[in-house]
């Protein structure tokens, strides 16, 4: 006899908000990296390096796309019994993907720290 799988509260919370946490981590990481690079003690004072910013952005976009793809599979067979959590997971994945793309735009135009 199989017991039903019980989901815990924090597991559900994480499932619905993980894309937003990826967005927050990307935002924080990129701006901390630029601030560190532009400080006098930074490893490249005078101008921020774009390659780490590009890598961080691509990793964050890929993570949100994967989370969105997983949520889309859940919604693919959706009917009136599809849970709100499934819709929230898909919606936050789309929101976070657009947010990461939008908040990374200023990083492409940073050419100097001054």
PDB file of N, CA and C in Angstrom:
ATOM      1  N   UNK A   1       0.841  -1.179   0.000  1.00  0.00           N
ATOM      2  CA  UNK A   1       0.000   0.000   0.000  1.00  0.00           C
ATOM      3  C   UNK A   1       0.886   1.243   0.000  1.00  0.00           C
ATOM      4  N   UNK A   2       0.679   2.094  -0.976  1.00  0.00           N
ATOM      5  CA  UNK A   2       1.461   3.318  -1.073  1.00  0.00           C
ATOM      6  C   UNK A   2       0.805   4.416  -0.259  1.00  0.00           C
ATOM      7  N   UNK A   3       1.622   5.076   0.506  1.00  0.00           N
ATOM      8  CA  UNK A   3       1.128   6.225   1.263  1.00  0.00           C
ATOM      9  C   UNK A   3       1.161   7.454   0.377  1.00  0.00           C
ATOM     10  N   UNK A   4       0.202   8.340   0.491  1.00  0.00           N
ATOM     11  CA  UNK A   4       0.223   9.561  -0.326  1.00  0.00           C
ATOM     12  C   UNK A   4       1.409  10.443   0.059  1.00  0.00           C
ATOM     13  N   UNK A   5       1.982  11.054  -0.943  1.00  0.00           N
ATOM     14  CA  UNK A   5       3.115  11.939  -0.706  1.00  0.00           C
ATOM     15  C   UNK A   5       2.609  13.249  -0.130  1.00  0.00           C
ATOM     16  N   UNK A   6       3.144  13.603   1.013  1.00  0.00           N
ATOM     17  CA  UNK A   6       2.720  14.836   1.664  1.00  0.00           C
ATOM     18  C   UNK A   6       3.748  15.914   1.390  1.00  0.00           C
ATOM     19  N   UNK A   7       3.262  17.021   0.916  1.00  0.00           N
ATOM     20  CA  UNK A   7       4.157  18.145   0.679  1.00  0.00           C
ATOM     21  C   UNK A   7       4.135  19.046   1.895  1.00  0.00           C
ATOM     22  N   UNK A   8       5.255  19.535   2.230  1.00  0.00           N
ATOM     23  CA  UNK A   8       5.389  20.428   3.365  1.00  0.00           C
ATOM     24  C   UNK A   8       5.191  21.879   2.924  1.00  0.00           C
ATOM     25  N   UNK A   9       4.933  22.729   3.900  1.00  0.00           N
ATOM     26  CA  UNK A   9       4.651  24.136   3.622  1.00  0.00           C
ATOM     27  C   UNK A   9       5.833  24.820   2.946  1.00  0.00           C
ATOM     28  N   UNK A  10       7.034  24.637   3.485  1.00  0.00           N
ATOM     29  CA  UNK A  10       8.197  25.342   2.937  1.00  0.00           C
ATOM     30  C   UNK A  10       8.578  24.805   1.560  1.00  0.00           C
ATOM     31  N   UNK A  11       8.295  23.544   1.299  1.00  0.00           N
ATOM     32  CA  UNK A  11       8.507  23.012  -0.039  1.00  0.00           C
ATOM     33  C   UNK A  11       7.588  23.669  -1.055  1.00  0.00           C
ATOM     34  N   UNK A  12       6.341  23.847  -0.671  1.00  0.00           N
ATOM     35  CA  UNK A  12       5.390  24.537  -1.546  1.00  0.00           C
ATOM     36  C   UNK A  12       5.771  26.005  -1.727  1.00  0.00           C
ATOM     37  N   UNK A  13       6.165  26.625  -0.630  1.00  0.00           N
ATOM     38  CA  UNK A  13       6.571  28.032  -0.695  1.00  0.00           C
ATOM     39  C   UNK A  13       7.774  28.209  -1.611  1.00  0.00           C
ATOM     40  N   UNK A  14       8.740  27.318  -1.493  1.00  0.00           N
ATOM     41  CA  UNK A  14       9.935  27.391  -2.329  1.00  0.00           C
ATOM     42  C   UNK A  14       9.591  27.140  -3.791  1.00  0.00           C
ATOM     43  N   UNK A  15       8.696  26.211  -4.038  1.00  0.00           N
ATOM     44  CA  UNK A  15       8.296  25.922  -5.420  1.00  0.00           C
ATOM     45  C   UNK A  15       7.654  27.136  -6.086  1.00  0.00           C
ATOM     46  N   UNK A  16       6.869  27.869  -5.349  1.00  0.00           N
ATOM     47  CA  UNK A  16       6.194  29.031  -5.918  1.00  0.00           C
ATOM     48  C   UNK A  16       7.064  30.263  -6.028  1.00  0.00           C
ATOM     49  N   UNK A  17       8.097  30.359  -5.208  1.00  0.00           N
ATOM     50  CA  UNK A  17       8.901  31.585  -5.183  1.00  0.00           C
ATOM     51  C   UNK A  17      10.348  31.404  -5.640  1.00  0.00           C
ATOM     52  N   UNK A  18      10.749  30.197  -5.997  1.00  0.00           N
ATOM     53  CA  UNK A  18      12.140  29.965  -6.389  1.00  0.00           C
ATOM     54  C   UNK A  18      12.583  30.841  -7.560  1.00  0.00           C
ATOM     55  N   UNK A  19      11.776  31.033  -8.603  1.00  0.00           N
ATOM     56  CA  UNK A  19      12.223  31.933  -9.670  1.00  0.00           C
ATOM     57  C   UNK A  19      12.474  33.366  -9.186  1.00  0.00           C
ATOM     58  N   UNK A  20      11.676  33.832  -8.249  1.00  0.00           N
ATOM     59  CA  UNK A  20      11.895  35.174  -7.712  1.00  0.00           C
ATOM     60  C   UNK A  20      13.179  35.238  -6.890  1.00  0.00           C
ATOM     61  N   UNK A  21      13.518  34.152  -6.226  1.00  0.00           N
ATOM     62  CA  UNK A  21      14.780  34.096  -5.488  1.00  0.00           C
ATOM     63  C   UNK A  21      15.965  34.083  -6.449  1.00  0.00           C
ATOM     64  N   UNK A  22      15.819  33.425  -7.588  1.00  0.00           N
ATOM     65  CA  UNK A  22      16.866  33.447  -8.613  1.00  0.00           C
ATOM     66  C   UNK A  22      17.053  34.871  -9.124  1.00  0.00           C
ATOM     67  N   UNK A  23      15.957  35.572  -9.357  1.00  0.00           N
ATOM     68  CA  UNK A  23      16.018  36.965  -9.812  1.00  0.00           C
ATOM     69  C   UNK A  23      16.720  37.828  -8.770  1.00  0.00           C
ATOM     70  N   UNK A  24      16.366  37.675  -7.517  1.00  0.00           N
ATOM     71  CA  UNK A  24      16.993  38.459  -6.451  1.00  0.00           C
ATOM     72  C   UNK A  24      18.485  38.155  -6.335  1.00  0.00           C
ATOM     73  N   UNK A  25      18.840  36.894  -6.457  1.00  0.00           N
ATOM     74  CA  UNK A  25      20.254  36.525  -6.387  1.00  0.00           C
ATOM     75  C   UNK A  25      21.026  37.108  -7.566  1.00  0.00           C
ATOM     76  N   UNK A  26      20.428  37.084  -8.747  1.00  0.00           N
ATOM     77  CA  UNK A  26      21.083  37.666  -9.929  1.00  0.00           C
ATOM     78  C   UNK A  26      21.269  39.172  -9.752  1.00  0.00           C
ATOM     79  N   UNK A  27      20.209  39.835  -9.343  1.00  0.00           N
ATOM     80  CA  UNK A  27      20.264  41.282  -9.149  1.00  0.00           C
ATOM     81  C   UNK A  27      21.350  41.647  -8.140  1.00  0.00           C
ATOM     82  N   UNK A  28      21.318  40.990  -7.002  1.00  0.00           N
ATOM     83  CA  UNK A  28      22.293  41.286  -5.950  1.00  0.00           C
ATOM     84  C   UNK A  28      23.704  40.951  -6.397  1.00  0.00           C
ATOM     85  N   UNK A  29      23.864  39.786  -6.991  1.00  0.00           N
ATOM     86  CA  UNK A  29      25.198  39.356  -7.413  1.00  0.00           C
ATOM     87  C   UNK A  29      25.813  40.279  -8.445  1.00  0.00           C
ATOM     88  N   UNK A  30      25.036  40.686  -9.433  1.00  0.00           N
ATOM     89  CA  UNK A  30      25.574  41.566 -10.476  1.00  0.00           C
ATOM     90  C   UNK A  30      25.969  42.924  -9.927  1.00  0.00           C
ATOM     91  N   UNK A  31      25.126  43.502  -9.110  1.00  0.00           N
ATOM     92  CA  UNK A  31      25.437  44.830  -8.617  1.00  0.00           C
ATOM     93  C   UNK A  31      26.533  44.817  -7.560  1.00  0.00           C
ATOM     94  N   UNK A  32      26.626  43.752  -6.783  1.00  0.00           N
ATOM     95  CA  UNK A  32      27.746  43.629  -5.834  1.00  0.00           C
ATOM     96  C   UNK A  32      29.047  43.436  -6.596  1.00  0.00           C
ATOM     97  N   UNK A  33      29.024  42.640  -7.662  1.00  0.00           N
ATOM     98  CA  UNK A  33      30.218  42.430  -8.470  1.00  0.00           C
ATOM     99  C   UNK A  33      30.695  43.735  -9.103  1.00  0.00           C
ATOM    100  N   UNK A  34      29.787  44.503  -9.659  1.00  0.00           N
ATOM    101  CA  UNK A  34      30.167  45.787 -10.266  1.00  0.00           C
ATOM    102  C   UNK A  34      30.700  46.737  -9.197  1.00  0.00           C
ATOM    103  N   UNK A  35      30.065  46.774  -8.047  1.00  0.00           N
ATOM    104  CA  UNK A  35      30.548  47.648  -6.969  1.00  0.00           C
ATOM    105  C   UNK A  35      31.930  47.218  -6.498  1.00  0.00           C
ATOM    106  N   UNK A  36      32.157  45.920  -6.403  1.00  0.00           N
ATOM    107  CA  UNK A  36      33.470  45.445  -5.986  1.00  0.00           C
ATOM    108  C   UNK A  36      34.524  45.757  -7.034  1.00  0.00           C
ATOM    109  N   UNK A  37      34.193  45.570  -8.301  1.00  0.00           N
ATOM    110  CA  UNK A  37      35.161  45.854  -9.354  1.00  0.00           C
ATOM    111  C   UNK A  37      35.480  47.337  -9.460  1.00  0.00           C
ATOM    112  N   UNK A  38      34.538  48.184  -9.110  1.00  0.00           N
ATOM    113  CA  UNK A  38      34.756  49.621  -9.213  1.00  0.00           C
ATOM    114  C   UNK A  38      35.373  50.227  -7.956  1.00  0.00           C
ATOM    115  N   UNK A  39      35.533  49.445  -6.917  1.00  0.00           N
ATOM    116  CA  UNK A  39      36.175  49.976  -5.720  1.00  0.00           C
ATOM    117  C   UNK A  39      37.681  50.077  -5.960  1.00  0.00           C
ATOM    118  N   UNK A  40      38.358  50.973  -5.245  1.00  0.00           N
ATOM    119  CA  UNK A  40      39.803  51.113  -5.440  1.00  0.00           C
ATOM    120  C   UNK A  40      40.571  49.813  -5.155  1.00  0.00           C
ATOM    121  N   UNK A  41      40.058  48.968  -4.287  1.00  0.00           N
ATOM    122  CA  UNK A  41      40.738  47.710  -3.973  1.00  0.00           C
ATOM    123  C   UNK A  41      40.229  46.559  -4.836  1.00  0.00           C
ATOM    124  N   UNK A  42      39.393  46.852  -5.807  1.00  0.00           N
ATOM    125  CA  UNK A  42      38.812  45.803  -6.644  1.00  0.00           C
ATOM    126  C   UNK A  42      39.844  45.136  -7.529  1.00  0.00           C
ATOM    127  N   UNK A  43      39.479  44.002  -8.105  1.00  0.00           N
ATOM    128  CA  UNK A  43      40.443  43.284  -8.921  1.00  0.00           C
ATOM    129  C   UNK A  43      40.577  43.851 -10.323  1.00  0.00           C
ATOM    130  N   UNK A  44      39.726  44.778 -10.708  1.00  0.00           N
ATOM    131  CA  UNK A  44      39.851  45.464 -11.995  1.00  0.00           C
ATOM    132  C   UNK A  44      39.372  46.899 -11.832  1.00  0.00           C
ATOM    133  N   UNK A  45      40.081  47.700 -11.040  1.00  0.00           N
ATOM    134  CA  UNK A  45      39.608  49.065 -10.827  1.00  0.00           C
ATOM    135  C   UNK A  45      39.584  49.862 -12.132  1.00  0.00           C
ATOM    136  N   UNK A  46      38.573  50.684 -12.263  1.00  0.00           N
ATOM    137  CA  UNK A  46      38.452  51.528 -13.436  1.00  0.00           C
ATOM    138  C   UNK A  46      37.339  51.107 -14.375  1.00  0.00           C
ATOM    139  N   UNK A  47      37.134  49.835 -14.551  1.00  0.00           N
ATOM    140  CA  UNK A  47      36.043  49.378 -15.417  1.00  0.00           C
ATOM    141  C   UNK A  47      35.617  47.967 -15.028  1.00  0.00           C
ATOM    142  N   UNK A  48      34.320  47.718 -15.019  1.00  0.00           N
ATOM    143  CA  UNK A  48      33.837  46.377 -14.667  1.00  0.00           C
ATOM    144  C   UNK A  48      34.025  45.394 -15.831  1.00  0.00           C
ATOM    145  N   UNK A  49      34.282  44.177 -15.514  1.00  0.00           N
ATOM    146  CA  UNK A  49      34.411  43.117 -16.517  1.00  0.00           C
ATOM    147  C   UNK A  49      33.020  42.633 -16.912  1.00  0.00           C
ATOM    148  N   UNK A  50      32.779  42.491 -18.191  1.00  0.00           N
ATOM    149  CA  UNK A  50      31.449  42.082 -18.650  1.00  0.00           C
ATOM    150  C   UNK A  50      31.246  40.571 -18.659  1.00  0.00           C
ATOM    151  N   UNK A  51      32.307  39.805 -18.813  1.00  0.00           N
ATOM    152  CA  UNK A  51      32.150  38.360 -18.917  1.00  0.00           C
ATOM    153  C   UNK A  51      31.481  37.739 -17.687  1.00  0.00           C
ATOM    154  N   UNK A  52      31.897  38.083 -16.456  1.00  0.00           N
ATOM    155  CA  UNK A  52      31.183  37.508 -15.313  1.00  0.00           C
ATOM    156  C   UNK A  52      29.708  37.923 -15.260  1.00  0.00           C
ATOM    157  N   UNK A  53      29.411  39.139 -15.696  1.00  0.00           N
ATOM    158  CA  UNK A  53      28.015  39.595 -15.722  1.00  0.00           C
ATOM    159  C   UNK A  53      27.204  38.817 -16.745  1.00  0.00           C
ATOM    160  N   UNK A  54      27.802  38.553 -17.893  1.00  0.00           N
ATOM    161  CA  UNK A  54      27.115  37.780 -18.928  1.00  0.00           C
ATOM    162  C   UNK A  54      26.860  36.359 -18.436  1.00  0.00           C
ATOM    163  N   UNK A  55      27.863  35.761 -17.809  1.00  0.00           N
ATOM    164  CA  UNK A  55      27.710  34.395 -17.310  1.00  0.00           C
ATOM    165  C   UNK A  55      26.631  34.338 -16.232  1.00  0.00           C
ATOM    166  N   UNK A  56      26.652  35.279 -15.298  1.00  0.00           N
ATOM    167  CA  UNK A  56      25.636  35.290 -14.246  1.00  0.00           C
ATOM    168  C   UNK A  56      24.239  35.457 -14.830  1.00  0.00           C
ATOM    169  N   UNK A  57      24.102  36.315 -15.826  1.00  0.00           N
ATOM    170  CA  UNK A  57      22.802  36.545 -16.443  1.00  0.00           C
ATOM    171  C   UNK A  57      22.317  35.310 -17.195  1.00  0.00           C
ATOM    172  N   UNK A  58      23.204  34.674 -17.941  1.00  0.00           N
ATOM    173  CA  UNK A  58      22.807  33.486 -18.687  1.00  0.00           C
ATOM    174  C   UNK A  58      22.430  32.332 -17.760  1.00  0.00           C
ATOM    175  N   UNK A  59      23.160  32.172 -16.670  1.00  0.00           N
ATOM    176  CA  UNK A  59      22.831  31.118 -15.709  1.00  0.00           C
ATOM    177  C   UNK A  59      21.465  31.394 -15.072  1.00  0.00           C
ATOM    178  N   UNK A  60      21.213  32.635 -14.701  1.00  0.00           N
ATOM    179  CA  UNK A  60      19.926  32.983 -14.083  1.00  0.00           C
ATOM    180  C   UNK A  60      18.771  32.811 -15.073  1.00  0.00           C
ATOM    181  N   UNK A  61      18.978  33.223 -16.318  1.00  0.00           N
ATOM    182  CA  UNK A  61      17.929  33.051 -17.326  1.00  0.00           C
ATOM    183  C   UNK A  61      17.666  31.573 -17.596  1.00  0.00           C
ATOM    184  N   UNK A  62      18.724  30.777 -17.633  1.00  0.00           N
ATOM    185  CA  UNK A  62      18.561  29.341 -17.854  1.00  0.00           C
ATOM    186  C   UNK A  62      17.814  28.690 -16.688  1.00  0.00           C
ATOM    187  N   UNK A  63      18.125  29.112 -15.470  1.00  0.00           N
ATOM    188  CA  UNK A  63      17.433  28.557 -14.297  1.00  0.00           C
ATOM    189  C   UNK A  63      15.944  28.891 -14.342  1.00  0.00           C
ATOM    190  N   UNK A  64      15.614  30.129 -14.669  1.00  0.00           N
ATOM    191  CA  UNK A  64      14.199  30.516 -14.741  1.00  0.00           C
ATOM    192  C   UNK A  64      13.494  29.826 -15.899  1.00  0.00           C
ATOM    193  N   UNK A  65      14.194  29.655 -17.019  1.00  0.00           N
ATOM    194  CA  UNK A  65      13.589  28.944 -18.144  1.00  0.00           C
ATOM    195  C   UNK A  65      13.319  27.487 -17.768  1.00  0.00           C
ATOM    196  N   UNK A  66      14.239  26.856 -17.057  1.00  0.00           N
ATOM    197  CA  UNK A  66      14.034  25.469 -16.634  1.00  0.00           C
ATOM    198  C   UNK A  66      12.874  25.360 -15.652  1.00  0.00           C
ATOM    199  N   UNK A  67      12.784  26.294 -14.713  1.00  0.00           N
ATOM    200  CA  UNK A  67      11.671  26.280 -13.768  1.00  0.00           C
ATOM    201  C   UNK A  67      10.344  26.535 -14.484  1.00  0.00           C
ATOM    202  N   UNK A  68      10.357  27.424 -15.459  1.00  0.00           N
ATOM    203  CA  UNK A  68       9.157  27.685 -16.250  1.00  0.00           C
ATOM    204  C   UNK A  68       8.756  26.481 -17.089  1.00  0.00           C
ATOM    205  N   UNK A  69       9.746  25.792 -17.640  1.00  0.00           N
ATOM    206  CA  UNK A  69       9.457  24.606 -18.447  1.00  0.00           C
ATOM    207  C   UNK A  69       8.838  23.507 -17.581  1.00  0.00           C
ATOM    208  N   UNK A  70       9.372  23.346 -16.378  1.00  0.00           N
ATOM    209  CA  UNK A  70       8.822  22.344 -15.463  1.00  0.00           C
ATOM    210  C   UNK A  70       7.383  22.700 -15.075  1.00  0.00           C
ATOM    211  N   UNK A  71       7.134  23.980 -14.838  1.00  0.00           N
ATOM    212  CA  UNK A  71       5.773  24.405 -14.487  1.00  0.00           C
ATOM    213  C   UNK A  71       4.835  24.264 -15.684  1.00  0.00           C
ATOM    214  N   UNK A  72       5.334  24.502 -16.883  1.00  0.00           N
ATOM    215  CA  UNK A  72       4.502  24.374 -18.081  1.00  0.00           C
ATOM    216  C   UNK A  72       4.060  22.937 -18.289  1.00  0.00           C
ATOM    217  N   UNK A  73       4.948  22.007 -18.003  1.00  0.00           N
ATOM    218  CA  UNK A  73       4.581  20.589 -18.104  1.00  0.00           C
ATOM    219  C   UNK A  73       3.446  20.256 -17.155  1.00  0.00           C
ATOM    220  N   UNK A  74       3.487  20.844 -15.962  1.00  0.00           N
ATOM    221  CA  UNK A  74       2.424  20.609 -14.983  1.00  0.00           C
ATOM    222  C   UNK A  74       1.109  21.205 -15.475  1.00  0.00           C
ATOM    223  N   UNK A  75       1.188  22.377 -16.092  1.00  0.00           N
ATOM    224  CA  UNK A  75      -0.030  23.035 -16.567  1.00  0.00           C
ATOM    225  C   UNK A  75      -0.531  22.453 -17.882  1.00  0.00           C
ATOM    226  N   UNK A  76       0.322  21.715 -18.590  1.00  0.00           N
ATOM    227  CA  UNK A  76      -0.055  21.169 -19.890  1.00  0.00           C
ATOM    228  C   UNK A  76      -1.283  20.288 -19.831  1.00  0.00           C
ATOM    229  N   UNK A  77      -1.402  19.507 -18.790  1.00  0.00           N
ATOM    230  CA  UNK A  77      -2.577  18.657 -18.639  1.00  0.00           C
ATOM    231  C   UNK A  77      -3.570  19.255 -17.667  1.00  0.00           C
ATOM    232  N   UNK A  78      -3.525  20.585 -17.539  1.00  0.00           N
ATOM    233  CA  UNK A  78      -4.346  21.257 -16.547  1.00  0.00           C
ATOM    234  C   UNK A  78      -5.828  21.204 -16.851  1.00  0.00           C
ATOM    235  N   UNK A  79      -6.582  21.155 -15.810  1.00  0.00           N
ATOM    236  CA  UNK A  79      -8.032  21.228 -15.907  1.00  0.00           C
ATOM    237  C   UNK A  79      -8.516  22.083 -14.742  1.00  0.00           C
ATOM    238  N   UNK A  80      -9.761  21.965 -14.395  1.00  0.00           N
ATOM    239  CA  UNK A  80     -10.276  22.794 -13.301  1.00  0.00           C
ATOM    240  C   UNK A  80      -9.675  22.415 -11.953  1.00  0.00           C
ATOM    241  N   UNK A  81      -8.959  21.293 -11.888  1.00  0.00           N
ATOM    242  CA  UNK A  81      -8.345  20.865 -10.637  1.00  0.00           C
ATOM    243  C   UNK A  81      -6.882  21.292 -10.523  1.00  0.00           C
ATOM    244  N   UNK A  82      -6.382  22.045 -11.494  1.00  0.00           N
ATOM    245  CA  UNK A  82      -5.005  22.517 -11.425  1.00  0.00           C
ATOM    246  C   UNK A  82      -4.881  23.484 -10.259  1.00  0.00           C
ATOM    247  N   UNK A  83      -3.903  23.237  -9.439  1.00  0.00           N
ATOM    248  CA  UNK A  83      -3.747  24.010  -8.209  1.00  0.00           C
ATOM    249  C   UNK A  83      -3.224  25.414  -8.477  1.00  0.00           C
ATOM    250  N   UNK A  84      -3.560  26.295  -7.569  1.00  0.00           N
ATOM    251  CA  UNK A  84      -3.057  27.663  -7.644  1.00  0.00           C
ATOM    252  C   UNK A  84      -1.539  27.688  -7.588  1.00  0.00           C
ATOM    253  N   UNK A  85      -0.948  26.775  -6.850  1.00  0.00           N
ATOM    254  CA  UNK A  85       0.508  26.703  -6.751  1.00  0.00           C
ATOM    255  C   UNK A  85       1.139  26.446  -8.118  1.00  0.00           C
ATOM    256  N   UNK A  86       0.522  25.634  -8.949  1.00  0.00           N
ATOM    257  CA  UNK A  86       1.044  25.373 -10.290  1.00  0.00           C
ATOM    258  C   UNK A  86       1.036  26.644 -11.135  1.00  0.00           C
ATOM    259  N   UNK A  87      -0.053  27.389 -11.045  1.00  0.00           N
ATOM    260  CA  UNK A  87      -0.133  28.655 -11.789  1.00  0.00           C
ATOM    261  C   UNK A  87       0.855  29.679 -11.236  1.00  0.00           C
ATOM    262  N   UNK A  88       1.019  29.709  -9.928  1.00  0.00           N
ATOM    263  CA  UNK A  88       1.970  30.645  -9.317  1.00  0.00           C
ATOM    264  C   UNK A  88       3.403  30.316  -9.726  1.00  0.00           C
ATOM    265  N   UNK A  89       3.741  29.031  -9.763  1.00  0.00           N
ATOM    266  CA  UNK A  89       5.095  28.630 -10.167  1.00  0.00           C
ATOM    267  C   UNK A  89       5.369  29.047 -11.611  1.00  0.00           C
ATOM    268  N   UNK A  90       4.400  28.850 -12.488  1.00  0.00           N
ATOM    269  CA  UNK A  90       4.576  29.248 -13.891  1.00  0.00           C
ATOM    270  C   UNK A  90       4.636  30.764 -14.030  1.00  0.00           C
ATOM    271  N   UNK A  91       3.764  31.465 -13.332  1.00  0.00           N
ATOM    272  CA  UNK A  91       3.746  32.926 -13.417  1.00  0.00           C
ATOM    273  C   UNK A  91       5.000  33.570 -12.867  1.00  0.00           C
ATOM    274  N   UNK A  92       5.498  33.068 -11.758  1.00  0.00           N
ATOM    275  CA  UNK A  92       6.718  33.658 -11.202  1.00  0.00           C
ATOM    276  C   UNK A  92       7.930  33.332 -12.070  1.00  0.00           C
ATOM    277  N   UNK A  93       7.912  32.199 -12.760  1.00  0.00           N
ATOM    278  CA  UNK A  93       9.016  31.884 -13.668  1.00  0.00           C
ATOM    279  C   UNK A  93       9.059  32.881 -14.828  1.00  0.00           C
ATOM    280  N   UNK A  94       7.902  33.191 -15.376  1.00  0.00           N
ATOM    281  CA  UNK A  94       7.838  34.168 -16.470  1.00  0.00           C
ATOM    282  C   UNK A  94       8.223  35.555 -15.960  1.00  0.00           C
ATOM    283  N   UNK A  95       7.673  35.930 -14.819  1.00  0.00           N
ATOM    284  CA  UNK A  95       7.985  37.239 -14.235  1.00  0.00           C
ATOM    285  C   UNK A  95       9.474  37.375 -13.945  1.00  0.00           C
ATOM    286  N   UNK A  96      10.074  36.358 -13.370  1.00  0.00           N
ATOM    287  CA  UNK A  96      11.494  36.415 -13.040  1.00  0.00           C
ATOM    288  C   UNK A  96      12.354  36.449 -14.301  1.00  0.00           C
ATOM    289  N   UNK A  97      11.982  35.709 -15.338  1.00  0.00           N
ATOM    290  CA  UNK A  97      12.737  35.721 -16.591  1.00  0.00           C
ATOM    291  C   UNK A  97      12.758  37.130 -17.189  1.00  0.00           C
ATOM    292  N   UNK A  98      11.582  37.748 -17.249  1.00  0.00           N
ATOM    293  CA  UNK A  98      11.488  39.117 -17.783  1.00  0.00           C
ATOM    294  C   UNK A  98      12.238  40.090 -16.868  1.00  0.00           C
ATOM    295  N   UNK A  99      12.117  39.899 -15.561  1.00  0.00           N
ATOM    296  CA  UNK A  99      12.806  40.775 -14.610  1.00  0.00           C
ATOM    297  C   UNK A  99      14.315  40.687 -14.726  1.00  0.00           C
ATOM    298  N   UNK A 100      14.842  39.490 -14.906  1.00  0.00           N
ATOM    299  CA  UNK A 100      16.282  39.325 -15.059  1.00  0.00           C
ATOM    300  C   UNK A 100      16.748  39.997 -16.342  1.00  0.00           C
ATOM    301  N   UNK A 101      16.019  39.787 -17.413  1.00  0.00           N
ATOM    302  CA  UNK A 101      16.385  40.435 -18.679  1.00  0.00           C
ATOM    303  C   UNK A 101      16.339  41.961 -18.547  1.00  0.00           C
ATOM    304  N   UNK A 102      15.311  42.472 -17.884  1.00  0.00           N
ATOM    305  CA  UNK A 102      15.155  43.915 -17.757  1.00  0.00           C
ATOM    306  C   UNK A 102      16.206  44.529 -16.829  1.00  0.00           C
ATOM    307  N   UNK A 103      16.455  43.911 -15.697  1.00  0.00           N
ATOM    308  CA  UNK A 103      17.411  44.498 -14.749  1.00  0.00           C
ATOM    309  C   UNK A 103      18.857  44.317 -15.185  1.00  0.00           C
ATOM    310  N   UNK A 104      19.105  43.476 -16.185  1.00  0.00           N
ATOM    311  CA  UNK A 104      20.476  43.339 -16.672  1.00  0.00           C
ATOM    312  C   UNK A 104      20.800  44.348 -17.773  1.00  0.00           C
ATOM    313  N   UNK A 105      19.814  45.050 -18.285  1.00  0.00           N
ATOM    314  CA  UNK A 105      20.051  46.029 -19.352  1.00  0.00           C
ATOM    315  C   UNK A 105      21.076  47.102 -18.951  1.00  0.00           C
ATOM    316  N   UNK A 106      20.983  47.728 -17.773  1.00  0.00           N
ATOM    317  CA  UNK A 106      21.992  48.737 -17.428  1.00  0.00           C
ATOM    318  C   UNK A 106      23.411  48.176 -17.351  1.00  0.00           C
ATOM    319  N   UNK A 107      23.540  46.899 -17.064  1.00  0.00           N
ATOM    320  CA  UNK A 107      24.871  46.311 -16.961  1.00  0.00           C
ATOM    321  C   UNK A 107      25.594  46.295 -18.304  1.00  0.00           C
ATOM    322  N   UNK A 108      24.848  46.243 -19.395  1.00  0.00           N
ATOM    323  CA  UNK A 108      25.481  46.199 -20.716  1.00  0.00           C
ATOM    324  C   UNK A 108      26.036  47.553 -21.123  1.00  0.00           C
ATOM    325  N   UNK A 109      25.558  48.630 -20.482  1.00  0.00           N
ATOM    326  CA  UNK A 109      25.998  49.962 -20.874  1.00  0.00           C
ATOM    327  C   UNK A 109      27.059  50.536 -19.943  1.00  0.00           C
ATOM    328  N   UNK A 110      27.417  49.788 -18.926  1.00  0.00           N
ATOM    329  CA  UNK A 110      28.453  50.243 -17.993  1.00  0.00           C
ATOM    330  C   UNK A 110      29.811  50.027 -18.655  1.00  0.00           C
ATOM    331  N   UNK A 111      30.487  51.139 -18.943  1.00  0.00           N
ATOM    332  CA  UNK A 111      31.803  50.987 -19.561  1.00  0.00           C
ATOM    333  C   UNK A 111      32.914  51.518 -18.668  1.00  0.00           C
ATOM    334  N   UNK A 112      32.542  52.292 -17.659  1.00  0.00           N
ATOM    335  CA  UNK A 112      33.558  52.755 -16.727  1.00  0.00           C
ATOM    336  C   UNK A 112      32.913  52.961 -15.362  1.00  0.00           C
ATOM    337  N   UNK A 113      33.728  53.099 -14.375  1.00  0.00           N
ATOM    338  CA  UNK A 113      33.224  53.259 -13.026  1.00  0.00           C
ATOM    339  C   UNK A 113      33.065  54.720 -12.634  1.00  0.00           C
ATOM    340  N   UNK A 114      33.594  55.589 -13.372  1.00  0.00           N
ATOM    341  CA  UNK A 114      33.604  56.989 -12.996  1.00  0.00           C
ATOM    342  C   UNK A 114      32.432  57.694 -13.437  1.00  0.00           C
TER     343      UNK A 114
END
